[in-house]
Protein backbone atom coordinates (compact mmCIF):
# COMPACT_ATOMS: atom_id res chain seq x y z
CA MET A 1 -22.85 -4.36 18.07
CA ALA A 2 -24.70 -3.36 20.07
CA GLU A 3 -24.88 -2.58 23.66
CA THR A 4 -26.97 -4.94 26.42
CA ASP A 5 -27.36 -2.31 29.33
CA TYR A 6 -29.55 -4.42 31.48
CA GLU A 7 -29.73 -0.67 33.83
CA SER A 8 -31.43 0.51 30.85
CA THR A 9 -34.42 -1.15 31.32
CA ARG A 10 -34.98 0.42 34.94
CA LEU A 11 -34.93 4.09 32.56
CA PRO A 12 -38.20 6.07 33.03
CA PRO A 13 -40.11 5.97 30.11
CA ASP A 14 -38.61 8.79 28.40
CA ALA A 15 -34.93 8.61 28.80
CA LEU A 16 -35.35 4.77 26.16
CA VAL A 17 -37.67 6.97 23.70
CA THR A 18 -35.21 8.52 24.07
CA GLN A 19 -32.42 6.01 24.02
CA ILE A 20 -34.25 5.16 20.78
CA GLU A 21 -34.86 8.06 19.10
CA ARG A 22 -31.63 8.30 19.44
CA THR A 23 -29.50 5.32 17.74
CA ARG A 24 -32.73 5.55 15.08
CA THR A 25 -30.86 8.12 13.92
CA ASP A 26 -27.27 6.89 14.46
CA LEU A 27 -28.42 3.82 12.18
CA ALA A 28 -30.58 5.89 9.36
CA ARG A 29 -27.03 7.84 9.49
CA THR A 30 -25.29 4.90 8.72
CA ILE A 31 -26.57 3.40 6.02
CA ASP A 32 -26.78 6.87 4.23
CA GLU A 33 -23.01 7.10 3.99
CA ILE A 34 -23.29 3.56 3.20
CA ALA A 35 -25.53 3.67 0.95
CA ASP A 36 -23.11 7.64 -0.28
CA ARG A 37 -20.35 5.07 -0.64
CA VAL A 38 -21.06 2.16 -3.02
CA ALA A 39 -23.43 4.46 -5.00
CA PRO A 40 -22.60 3.46 -9.08
CA SER A 41 -21.98 7.26 -9.67
CA ASN A 42 -19.72 7.81 -6.57
CA VAL A 43 -17.65 4.57 -7.41
CA ALA A 44 -17.43 5.31 -10.96
CA ARG A 45 -15.99 9.78 -9.59
CA ARG A 46 -13.78 7.87 -7.23
CA ALA A 47 -12.36 5.37 -10.10
CA THR A 48 -11.57 8.37 -12.59
CA GLU A 49 -9.99 10.27 -9.52
CA GLY A 50 -7.19 7.45 -9.15
CA ILE A 51 -6.58 7.14 -12.60
CA LEU A 52 -6.22 10.54 -12.91
CA GLU A 53 -3.92 11.28 -9.93
CA ARG A 54 -1.61 8.09 -11.41
CA ILE A 55 -1.47 10.14 -15.27
CA SER A 56 -1.10 12.88 -13.75
CA GLN A 57 2.52 11.31 -11.82
CA ILE A 58 3.49 10.10 -15.74
CA ASP A 59 5.83 11.56 -17.88
CA PRO A 60 4.52 14.09 -19.84
CA LEU A 61 6.08 11.68 -22.90
CA VAL A 62 4.54 8.09 -21.56
CA ARG A 63 1.96 10.10 -21.13
CA GLY A 64 1.62 12.05 -24.85
CA ALA A 65 2.71 8.14 -26.46
CA ILE A 66 -0.15 6.32 -24.24
CA GLY A 67 -2.86 8.66 -25.50
CA LEU A 68 -1.06 8.40 -29.24
CA ALA A 69 -1.48 4.44 -29.12
CA ALA A 70 -5.14 5.06 -27.37
CA VAL A 71 -6.22 7.33 -29.99
CA SER A 72 -4.80 4.52 -32.92
CA VAL A 73 -6.26 1.52 -31.54
CA THR A 74 -9.37 3.17 -31.73
CA CYS A 75 -8.93 4.92 -35.52
CA TYR A 76 -8.28 0.77 -36.55
CA LEU A 77 -11.79 -0.47 -34.79
CA VAL A 78 -13.93 2.14 -35.78
CA GLY A 79 -12.27 1.50 -39.30
CA ARG A 80 -12.20 -1.69 -39.25
CA ARG A 81 -16.56 -2.01 -38.19
CA LEU A 82 -17.27 0.25 -40.56
CA ARG A 83 -15.50 -1.98 -43.87
CA ARG A 84 -17.73 -4.02 -42.72
């Protein structure tokens, strides 16, 4: 929340301008950080990194079985689609 500083009204105009510029810079930086966090490409990248991290912790034999199952299901669905 914004600071309520009644003493700042007694500051010289140059000091107030400097304070306003600093506040604008801080606000712009905060907005840029928020925009960076919610950018779809960054959200997708973080999700992918999380999935890859979890997959890397799985036993290689289980990973192979999961991969084989995924390929099998994909082939089945593509084959079904082509028969229509």
